[in-house]
Amino acid sequence: MPQVSSEGNRVEFRDGKRTTPDKSVIPMIDGDGVGQDIAPAAREIVDTAVSKAYGSRRKIVWLKVYAGEESHRLFNTWLPEDTINAINYYGVALKGPLATPVGEGIRSLNVTLRQRLDLYACVRPVRHFRGVPSPLKRPELLDVVIFRENTEDVYAGIEWQEGSREVKRVISFLWDVMGKKVREDSAIGIKSISLAATKRLARAAVRYAIEHGRKSVTLMHKGNIMKFTEGAFRNWAYEAAQEFGDKILTEEDLFKTRNGKLPQATVLIKDRIADSMFQQILLRPEEYDVIATPNLNGDYLSDACAAQVGGLGIAPGANINYETGRAIFEATHGTAPRYVGLGKVNPASMILSSAMMLEYIGWNEPAKNIEMAVERTIEQGKVTYDLARQMKGATELSTREFTEAVASNL
């Protein structure tokens, strides 16, 4: 049994329906590095927005849970079972960035949390906020929601180190049994794409598009090369989309039967090769609305899209299981250790992720107010270092000052 708060209750999901108590307990991982700076900022903005929207009738009851460096220092473990149990029990959590060594040491704690809790959809809305500098001429045309499959692909962590006994056995098996030649000095990783994981992601993306009035879902893949993994992702996703009947229309059928005219309240389903998608999102961003993609493609694409509208500092994100209702909302950038304690880091990513969280639990008014307050603050030229260096005449604020400015604009 996880630690239970006596001050509030959990958000519950039963039969696809959510019940949100007025005093909702939300576990929170502050995170490593600059997480210690931005987590308090997000809590403050949420508390202020909820209070202004609902008075004392509703509130978030924050429950501190541990992961990463702080957890290792206190409990000699990177990810306590108590943390997993708490998020399992309370259903919805907020998280700062967590550190992961590159090329050695522990595997990604972010990936571990997603896999342990089966948070199969990484959901990343990317849009331009007025006033944010961008390399695009018309950044306001980019307004996409990326659904990235979270549990499979190379992120499943099935790999063997070059020179190891295990990799030699795999190389031998590939040649002796499967007739596939691999260089003997290779490291090997396995890329797995399953029918079940693909279809549940595609269903989530299409359902989101229908419920949010989005016009299209694009399946991004490299199926022209990896025919039995990414090609299968494309085919299985189309099959899942067909389950929605007349609420969807494929691009092929649009021109065959509708002369290219999409009926109202109908979601267009189309697909694009991954390398073409990167070009399209730059040259014709207005044609893309919701994008569903395997894990690695989604990682690349979501960061590339964020760069078009100001960078990861203002990009929110969530990891969601739409069947169980469990979700972790998180800052999408890294721990930025060289900025720790300097008060320079932009807390907007975590603040906007917390707004996503509020919308997810049905508290739409404070969620919308937070988005508007962040945009208004940026329009006023009150920004942190990452944006101030790109904006002529901007007032550079510290993390604390930016948080105060957003709060005053709520």
Protein backbone atom coordinates (compact mmCIF):
# COMPACT_ATOMS: atom_id res chain seq x y z
CA MET A 1 0.00 0.00 0.00
CA PRO A 2 1.49 3.38 -0.98
CA GLN A 3 1.71 6.40 1.25
CA VAL A 4 -1.82 7.83 1.43
CA SER A 5 -2.61 11.48 1.97
CA SER A 6 -5.27 12.33 4.54
CA GLU A 7 -5.83 15.74 2.93
CA GLY A 8 -7.32 14.60 -0.36
CA ASN A 9 -8.33 11.73 -2.62
CA ARG A 10 -7.15 10.15 -5.82
CA VAL A 11 -8.35 10.81 -9.35
CA GLU A 12 -10.14 7.62 -10.40
CA PHE A 13 -10.84 6.12 -13.84
CA ARG A 14 -13.49 3.46 -14.25
CA ASP A 15 -14.93 2.21 -17.52
CA GLY A 16 -13.26 5.08 -19.35
CA LYS A 17 -14.81 7.70 -17.08
CA ARG A 18 -12.87 10.00 -14.80
CA THR A 19 -13.85 11.06 -11.29
CA THR A 20 -11.89 14.04 -9.98
CA PRO A 21 -12.34 14.95 -6.30
CA ASP A 22 -12.28 18.61 -5.26
CA LYS A 23 -9.16 17.88 -3.20
CA SER A 24 -7.08 15.85 -5.66
CA VAL A 25 -3.82 14.26 -4.56
CA ILE A 26 -1.08 14.53 -7.20
CA PRO A 27 2.28 12.79 -6.62
CA MET A 28 5.17 14.96 -7.75
CA ILE A 29 8.80 14.18 -8.58
CA ASP A 30 10.78 17.42 -8.47
CA GLY A 31 13.52 15.92 -10.63
CA ASP A 32 17.26 16.35 -10.95
CA GLY A 33 19.33 19.39 -11.88
CA VAL A 34 17.13 22.35 -12.73
CA GLY A 35 14.11 20.30 -11.70
CA GLN A 36 14.75 21.72 -8.25
CA ASP A 37 14.17 25.21 -9.71
CA ILE A 38 11.22 24.59 -12.01
CA ALA A 39 9.16 22.19 -9.87
CA PRO A 40 8.39 24.83 -7.22
CA ALA A 41 7.48 27.26 -10.02
CA ALA A 42 4.96 24.81 -11.49
CA ARG A 43 3.40 24.10 -8.09
CA GLU A 44 3.03 27.81 -7.39
CA ILE A 45 1.38 28.56 -10.71
CA VAL A 46 -1.02 25.60 -10.40
CA ASP A 47 -1.99 26.56 -6.86
CA THR A 48 -2.56 30.18 -7.87
CA ALA A 49 -4.56 29.29 -11.00
CA VAL A 50 -6.76 26.77 -9.19
CA SER A 51 -7.39 29.20 -6.34
CA LYS A 52 -8.34 32.02 -8.72
CA ALA A 53 -10.64 29.74 -10.71
CA TYR A 54 -12.33 27.87 -7.86
CA GLY A 55 -11.54 29.70 -4.63
CA SER A 56 -11.19 27.33 -1.69
CA ARG A 57 -13.59 24.80 -3.21
CA ARG A 58 -10.87 22.93 -5.09
CA LYS A 59 -7.15 22.40 -4.65
CA ILE A 60 -4.29 20.15 -5.64
CA VAL A 61 -2.79 18.27 -2.70
CA TRP A 62 0.86 17.68 -3.64
CA LEU A 63 2.46 14.41 -2.52
CA LYS A 64 6.25 14.42 -2.81
CA VAL A 65 7.67 11.18 -4.22
CA TYR A 66 11.24 10.39 -5.19
CA ALA A 67 13.28 9.30 -8.20
CA GLY A 68 16.71 10.07 -9.62
CA GLU A 69 19.66 11.58 -7.80
CA GLU A 70 17.72 12.75 -4.75
CA SER A 71 16.26 9.28 -4.30
CA HIS A 72 19.66 7.64 -4.71
CA ARG A 73 21.18 9.97 -2.14
CA LEU A 74 18.40 9.40 0.41
CA PHE A 75 17.45 5.77 -0.15
CA ASN A 76 20.31 4.27 -2.21
CA THR A 77 17.93 3.48 -5.08
CA TRP A 78 17.21 5.45 -8.25
CA LEU A 79 13.52 4.55 -8.37
CA PRO A 80 11.82 3.35 -5.15
CA GLU A 81 8.90 0.95 -5.40
CA ASP A 82 6.98 3.39 -3.21
CA THR A 83 7.10 5.90 -6.06
CA ILE A 84 5.72 3.38 -8.57
CA ASN A 85 3.03 2.35 -6.07
CA ALA A 86 2.03 5.96 -5.36
CA ILE A 87 1.60 6.83 -9.05
CA ASN A 88 -0.26 3.56 -9.61
CA TYR A 89 -2.62 4.39 -6.76
CA TYR A 90 -3.21 8.10 -7.38
CA GLY A 91 -3.24 7.77 -11.16
CA VAL A 92 -1.92 11.19 -12.20
CA ALA A 93 1.51 12.66 -11.43
CA LEU A 94 3.76 15.61 -12.32
CA LYS A 95 7.49 15.19 -12.88
CA GLY A 96 10.60 17.27 -13.45
CA PRO A 97 13.56 16.12 -15.59
CA LEU A 98 15.58 13.10 -14.44
CA ALA A 99 19.27 12.50 -15.18
CA THR A 100 20.47 9.45 -17.11
CA PRO A 101 24.15 8.66 -17.80
CA VAL A 102 25.04 8.41 -21.51
CA GLY A 103 26.67 5.17 -22.67
CA GLU A 104 26.92 3.60 -19.20
CA GLY A 105 25.25 3.18 -15.82
CA ILE A 106 21.50 3.05 -15.19
CA ARG A 107 18.98 2.99 -18.00
CA SER A 108 16.73 5.97 -18.50
CA LEU A 109 14.45 6.50 -15.51
CA ASN A 110 11.99 8.24 -17.82
CA VAL A 111 11.76 5.13 -19.99
CA THR A 112 11.57 2.89 -16.91
CA LEU A 113 8.63 4.86 -15.49
CA ARG A 114 6.79 4.68 -18.81
CA GLN A 115 7.35 0.94 -19.11
CA ARG A 116 6.61 0.05 -15.47
CA LEU A 117 3.34 2.00 -15.53
CA ASP A 118 2.55 1.05 -19.14
CA LEU A 119 2.22 4.70 -20.17
CA TYR A 120 2.14 3.83 -23.83
CA ALA A 121 1.37 7.25 -25.36
CA CYS A 122 3.84 10.11 -25.16
CA VAL A 123 1.64 13.11 -25.99
CA ARG A 124 3.40 16.30 -27.05
CA PRO A 125 1.33 19.31 -28.16
CA VAL A 126 3.50 21.80 -30.04
CA ARG A 127 2.26 25.25 -31.00
CA HIS A 128 3.63 28.75 -31.24
CA PHE A 129 3.13 31.26 -28.43
CA ARG A 130 2.88 34.83 -29.64
CA GLY A 131 6.11 36.72 -29.07
CA VAL A 132 8.41 33.69 -29.03
CA PRO A 133 11.23 34.01 -31.58
CA SER A 134 11.27 31.35 -34.28
CA PRO A 135 13.37 30.47 -37.35
CA LEU A 136 10.11 30.09 -39.31
CA LYS A 137 8.51 32.93 -41.22
CA ARG A 138 5.04 31.90 -40.02
CA PRO A 139 5.48 29.78 -36.88
CA GLU A 140 1.81 30.22 -35.97
CA LEU A 141 0.96 27.69 -38.70
CA LEU A 142 2.50 24.89 -36.64
CA ASP A 143 -0.06 23.45 -34.24
CA VAL A 144 0.38 19.71 -33.87
CA VAL A 145 -0.13 17.04 -31.23
CA ILE A 146 2.36 14.19 -31.50
CA PHE A 147 1.40 10.72 -30.25
CA ARG A 148 4.62 8.74 -29.82
CA GLU A 149 4.47 5.05 -28.90
CA ASN A 150 6.32 4.78 -25.61
CA THR A 151 6.96 1.14 -24.79
CA GLU A 152 8.60 -0.51 -27.81
CA ASP A 153 11.05 0.16 -30.65
CA VAL A 154 14.74 0.48 -29.70
CA TYR A 155 13.68 2.09 -26.41
CA ALA A 156 12.69 -1.33 -25.06
CA GLY A 157 16.38 -1.66 -24.20
CA ILE A 158 17.10 -5.03 -25.81
CA GLU A 159 20.74 -4.75 -26.84
CA TRP A 160 24.12 -6.39 -26.43
CA GLN A 161 27.54 -4.77 -26.14
CA GLU A 162 30.19 -5.27 -28.81
CA GLY A 163 32.59 -8.08 -27.90
CA SER A 164 30.37 -9.59 -25.21
CA ARG A 165 29.62 -13.30 -25.00
CA GLU A 166 25.95 -12.55 -25.57
CA VAL A 167 26.46 -10.53 -28.75
CA LYS A 168 28.69 -13.25 -30.18
CA ARG A 169 25.89 -15.77 -29.62
CA VAL A 170 23.39 -13.47 -31.33
CA ILE A 171 25.71 -12.90 -34.30
CA SER A 172 26.31 -16.64 -34.58
CA PHE A 173 22.57 -17.36 -34.42
CA LEU A 174 21.84 -14.78 -37.10
CA TRP A 175 24.35 -16.38 -39.47
CA ASP A 176 23.97 -20.07 -38.61
CA VAL A 177 20.18 -20.19 -38.27
CA MET A 178 18.78 -17.14 -40.04
CA GLY A 179 21.39 -16.73 -42.79
CA LYS A 180 21.95 -13.05 -42.00
CA LYS A 181 25.53 -11.75 -41.96
CA VAL A 182 26.50 -9.19 -39.29
CA ARG A 183 30.02 -7.85 -38.76
CA GLU A 184 31.70 -9.61 -35.85
CA ASP A 185 32.71 -6.33 -34.19
CA SER A 186 29.09 -5.15 -34.00
CA ALA A 187 26.91 -4.19 -31.08
CA ILE A 188 23.31 -5.28 -31.61
CA GLY A 189 19.95 -3.84 -30.61
CA ILE A 190 16.48 -5.22 -31.22
CA LYS A 191 13.69 -3.11 -32.71
CA SER A 192 10.27 -4.51 -31.83
CA ILE A 193 6.93 -3.17 -33.07
CA SER A 194 3.80 -5.09 -32.03
CA LEU A 195 0.27 -5.14 -33.38
CA ALA A 196 -1.28 -4.57 -29.94
CA ALA A 197 0.88 -1.58 -28.99
CA THR A 198 0.49 -0.01 -32.41
CA LYS A 199 -3.28 -0.29 -32.48
CA ARG A 200 -3.83 1.12 -29.01
CA LEU A 201 -1.63 4.12 -29.84
CA ALA A 202 -3.46 4.70 -33.13
CA ARG A 203 -6.85 4.45 -31.40
CA ALA A 204 -5.73 7.01 -28.81
CA ALA A 205 -4.55 9.42 -31.53
CA VAL A 206 -7.73 9.11 -33.60
CA ARG A 207 -9.97 9.39 -30.53
CA TYR A 208 -8.07 12.51 -29.44
CA ALA A 209 -8.52 14.05 -32.90
CA ILE A 210 -12.26 13.34 -32.87
CA GLU A 211 -12.79 14.66 -29.34
CA HIS A 212 -10.70 17.82 -29.87
CA GLY A 213 -12.01 18.76 -33.30
CA ARG A 214 -8.72 18.06 -35.08
CA LYS A 215 -8.92 17.54 -38.83
CA SER A 216 -6.30 14.87 -39.51
CA VAL A 217 -4.13 12.11 -38.10
CA THR A 218 -0.87 11.43 -39.95
CA LEU A 219 0.96 8.12 -39.48
CA MET A 220 4.71 8.79 -39.61
CA HIS A 221 6.87 5.75 -40.40
CA LYS A 222 9.88 4.42 -42.31
CA GLY A 223 7.95 1.53 -43.79
CA ASN A 224 9.62 1.80 -47.19
CA ILE A 225 12.82 0.42 -45.60
CA MET A 226 11.72 -1.43 -42.43
CA LYS A 227 8.73 -3.17 -43.95
CA PHE A 228 7.93 -5.62 -41.16
CA THR A 229 8.28 -3.17 -38.26
CA GLU A 230 7.53 0.39 -39.34
CA GLY A 231 5.64 -0.80 -42.41
CA ALA A 232 3.53 -2.95 -40.13
CA PHE A 233 3.00 0.06 -37.84
CA ARG A 234 1.49 1.92 -40.79
CA ASN A 235 -0.78 -0.96 -41.82
CA TRP A 236 -1.95 -1.81 -38.29
CA ALA A 237 -2.63 1.85 -37.52
CA TYR A 238 -4.84 2.14 -40.59
CA GLU A 239 -6.73 -0.96 -39.41
CA ALA A 240 -7.25 0.62 -35.98
CA ALA A 241 -8.49 3.86 -37.55
CA GLN A 242 -11.12 1.96 -39.56
CA GLU A 243 -12.74 0.94 -36.26
CA PHE A 244 -14.08 4.50 -36.00
CA GLY A 245 -16.32 4.01 -39.03
CA ASP A 246 -17.69 7.12 -40.70
CA LYS A 247 -15.90 9.41 -38.26
CA ILE A 248 -12.71 8.94 -40.33
CA LEU A 249 -11.76 8.97 -43.99
CA THR A 250 -8.46 7.84 -45.50
CA GLU A 251 -6.58 10.11 -47.84
CA GLU A 252 -6.95 7.54 -50.61
CA ASP A 253 -10.73 7.44 -50.22
CA LEU A 254 -10.93 11.22 -49.94
CA PHE A 255 -9.83 11.63 -53.55
CA LYS A 256 -11.51 8.49 -54.85
CA THR A 257 -14.97 9.13 -53.45
CA ARG A 258 -15.11 12.74 -52.22
CA ASN A 259 -13.21 14.68 -54.90
CA GLY A 260 -10.75 15.81 -52.23
CA LYS A 261 -13.45 17.46 -50.07
CA LEU A 262 -13.40 16.31 -46.44
CA PRO A 263 -16.88 16.18 -44.84
CA GLN A 264 -17.35 18.18 -41.66
CA ALA A 265 -16.62 16.44 -38.34
CA THR A 266 -14.58 13.81 -40.18
CA VAL A 267 -10.92 13.06 -39.39
CA LEU A 268 -8.62 12.47 -42.36
CA ILE A 269 -6.19 9.56 -41.91
CA LYS A 270 -2.98 9.74 -43.96
CA ASP A 271 0.62 8.57 -43.73
CA ARG A 272 4.04 10.00 -44.51
CA ILE A 273 7.55 8.55 -44.73
CA ALA A 274 9.63 9.77 -41.78
CA ASP A 275 12.25 11.75 -43.74
CA SER A 276 9.53 13.40 -45.81
CA MET A 277 7.66 14.28 -42.62
CA PHE A 278 10.56 16.40 -41.37
CA GLN A 279 10.48 18.39 -44.61
CA GLN A 280 6.69 18.68 -44.62
CA ILE A 281 6.50 19.98 -41.06
CA LEU A 282 8.80 22.83 -42.11
CA LEU A 283 7.32 23.67 -45.50
CA ARG A 284 3.62 22.85 -44.99
CA PRO A 285 2.99 22.75 -41.24
CA GLU A 286 -0.66 23.77 -41.59
CA GLU A 287 -1.43 20.40 -43.23
CA TYR A 288 -0.58 18.42 -40.08
CA ASP A 289 -2.69 18.22 -36.98
CA VAL A 290 -2.22 14.99 -34.99
CA ILE A 291 0.77 12.77 -35.77
CA ALA A 292 1.06 9.14 -34.59
CA THR A 293 4.44 7.45 -34.81
CA PRO A 294 6.72 4.77 -33.35
CA ASN A 295 9.00 5.60 -30.45
CA LEU A 296 12.26 6.75 -32.06
CA ASN A 297 10.58 8.75 -34.84
CA GLY A 298 8.44 10.49 -32.25
CA ASP A 299 11.45 11.41 -30.13
CA TYR A 300 13.13 13.09 -33.08
CA LEU A 301 10.01 14.75 -34.44
CA SER A 302 8.71 16.22 -31.20
CA ASP A 303 12.04 17.91 -30.43
CA ALA A 304 12.36 19.16 -34.01
CA CYS A 305 8.87 20.66 -33.89
CA ALA A 306 9.62 22.28 -30.53
CA ALA A 307 12.71 23.90 -32.05
CA GLN A 308 10.50 25.54 -34.69
CA VAL A 309 8.46 27.38 -32.05
CA GLY A 310 11.04 28.34 -29.43
CA GLY A 311 12.63 25.16 -28.13
CA LEU A 312 12.09 22.60 -25.40
CA GLY A 313 11.93 25.33 -22.76
CA ILE A 314 8.30 25.94 -23.66
CA ALA A 315 7.29 22.45 -24.83
CA PRO A 316 4.91 20.51 -22.54
CA GLY A 317 4.43 16.76 -22.54
CA ALA A 318 2.68 13.80 -20.97
CA ASN A 319 2.89 10.02 -20.85
CA ILE A 320 -0.56 8.47 -20.73
CA ASN A 321 -2.35 5.13 -20.65
CA TYR A 322 -5.83 5.96 -21.91
CA GLU A 323 -7.24 2.60 -20.77
CA THR A 324 -6.16 2.77 -17.10
CA GLY A 325 -6.16 6.57 -16.94
CA ARG A 326 -2.65 6.69 -15.46
CA ALA A 327 -0.57 9.64 -16.62
CA ILE A 328 2.66 11.44 -15.83
CA PHE A 329 3.01 15.04 -17.01
CA GLU A 330 6.57 16.25 -17.34
CA ALA A 331 8.99 18.90 -18.45
CA THR A 332 10.32 17.73 -21.82
CA HIS A 333 13.85 19.11 -21.53
CA GLY A 334 16.85 17.70 -19.68
CA THR A 335 18.37 18.44 -16.30
CA ALA A 336 20.74 21.19 -17.57
CA PRO A 337 23.20 20.72 -14.67
CA ARG A 338 25.32 23.76 -15.54
CA TYR A 339 22.33 26.04 -14.85
CA VAL A 340 21.42 24.59 -11.45
CA GLY A 341 20.94 27.28 -8.82
CA LEU A 342 21.60 30.16 -11.23
CA GLY A 343 17.95 31.11 -11.61
CA LYS A 344 18.28 31.23 -15.41
CA VAL A 345 16.24 28.22 -16.53
CA ASN A 346 12.84 28.66 -18.18
CA PRO A 347 10.09 26.95 -16.11
CA ALA A 348 7.49 27.26 -18.90
CA SER A 349 7.77 23.63 -20.06
CA MET A 350 6.84 22.31 -16.64
CA ILE A 351 4.25 25.03 -16.06
CA LEU A 352 2.56 24.20 -19.38
CA SER A 353 2.78 20.47 -18.61
CA SER A 354 0.95 21.15 -15.37
CA ALA A 355 -1.72 22.96 -17.41
CA MET A 356 -2.06 19.80 -19.53
CA MET A 357 -2.47 17.87 -16.29
CA LEU A 358 -5.27 20.15 -15.11
CA GLU A 359 -7.06 19.77 -18.45
CA TYR A 360 -6.65 15.99 -18.22
CA ILE A 361 -8.39 15.84 -14.84
CA GLY A 362 -11.16 18.09 -16.13
CA TRP A 363 -10.17 21.41 -14.55
CA ASN A 364 -10.25 23.29 -17.84
CA GLU A 365 -10.58 26.86 -16.56
CA PRO A 366 -7.27 27.06 -14.64
CA ALA A 367 -5.58 25.04 -17.41
CA LYS A 368 -6.58 27.57 -20.06
CA ASN A 369 -5.73 30.48 -17.79
CA ILE A 370 -2.19 29.17 -17.28
CA GLU A 371 -1.62 28.90 -21.05
CA MET A 372 -2.94 32.42 -21.58
CA ALA A 373 -0.81 33.81 -18.73
CA VAL A 374 2.37 32.25 -20.11
CA GLU A 375 1.64 33.65 -23.58
CA ARG A 376 0.78 37.09 -22.19
CA THR A 377 4.01 37.21 -20.17
CA ILE A 378 6.08 36.36 -23.25
CA GLU A 379 4.21 38.95 -25.34
CA GLN A 380 5.14 41.53 -22.71
CA GLY A 381 8.80 40.70 -23.38
CA LYS A 382 9.27 39.30 -19.87
CA VAL A 383 11.27 36.13 -20.46
CA THR A 384 14.11 34.01 -19.12
CA TYR A 385 17.63 33.86 -20.55
CA ASP A 386 16.91 31.29 -23.28
CA LEU A 387 14.38 33.58 -24.99
CA ALA A 388 15.78 36.97 -23.95
CA ARG A 389 18.99 36.40 -25.92
CA GLN A 390 16.87 35.97 -29.07
CA MET A 391 14.37 38.81 -28.50
CA LYS A 392 15.21 42.43 -29.18
CA GLY A 393 14.19 44.68 -26.30
CA ALA A 394 13.19 41.82 -23.99
CA THR A 395 13.49 42.04 -20.22
CA GLU A 396 15.52 39.09 -18.97
CA LEU A 397 14.00 37.61 -15.83
CA SER A 398 15.20 34.98 -13.41
CA THR A 399 13.25 31.76 -12.97
CA ARG A 400 11.65 33.22 -9.86
CA GLU A 401 10.80 36.55 -11.53
CA PHE A 402 9.28 34.83 -14.56
CA THR A 403 7.11 32.70 -12.28
CA GLU A 404 5.91 35.85 -10.50
CA ALA A 405 5.18 37.52 -13.83
CA VAL A 406 3.08 34.55 -15.00
CA ALA A 407 1.24 34.51 -11.67
CA SER A 408 0.41 38.20 -12.01
CA ASN A 409 -1.02 37.56 -15.49
CA LEU A 410 -3.34 34.77 -14.36
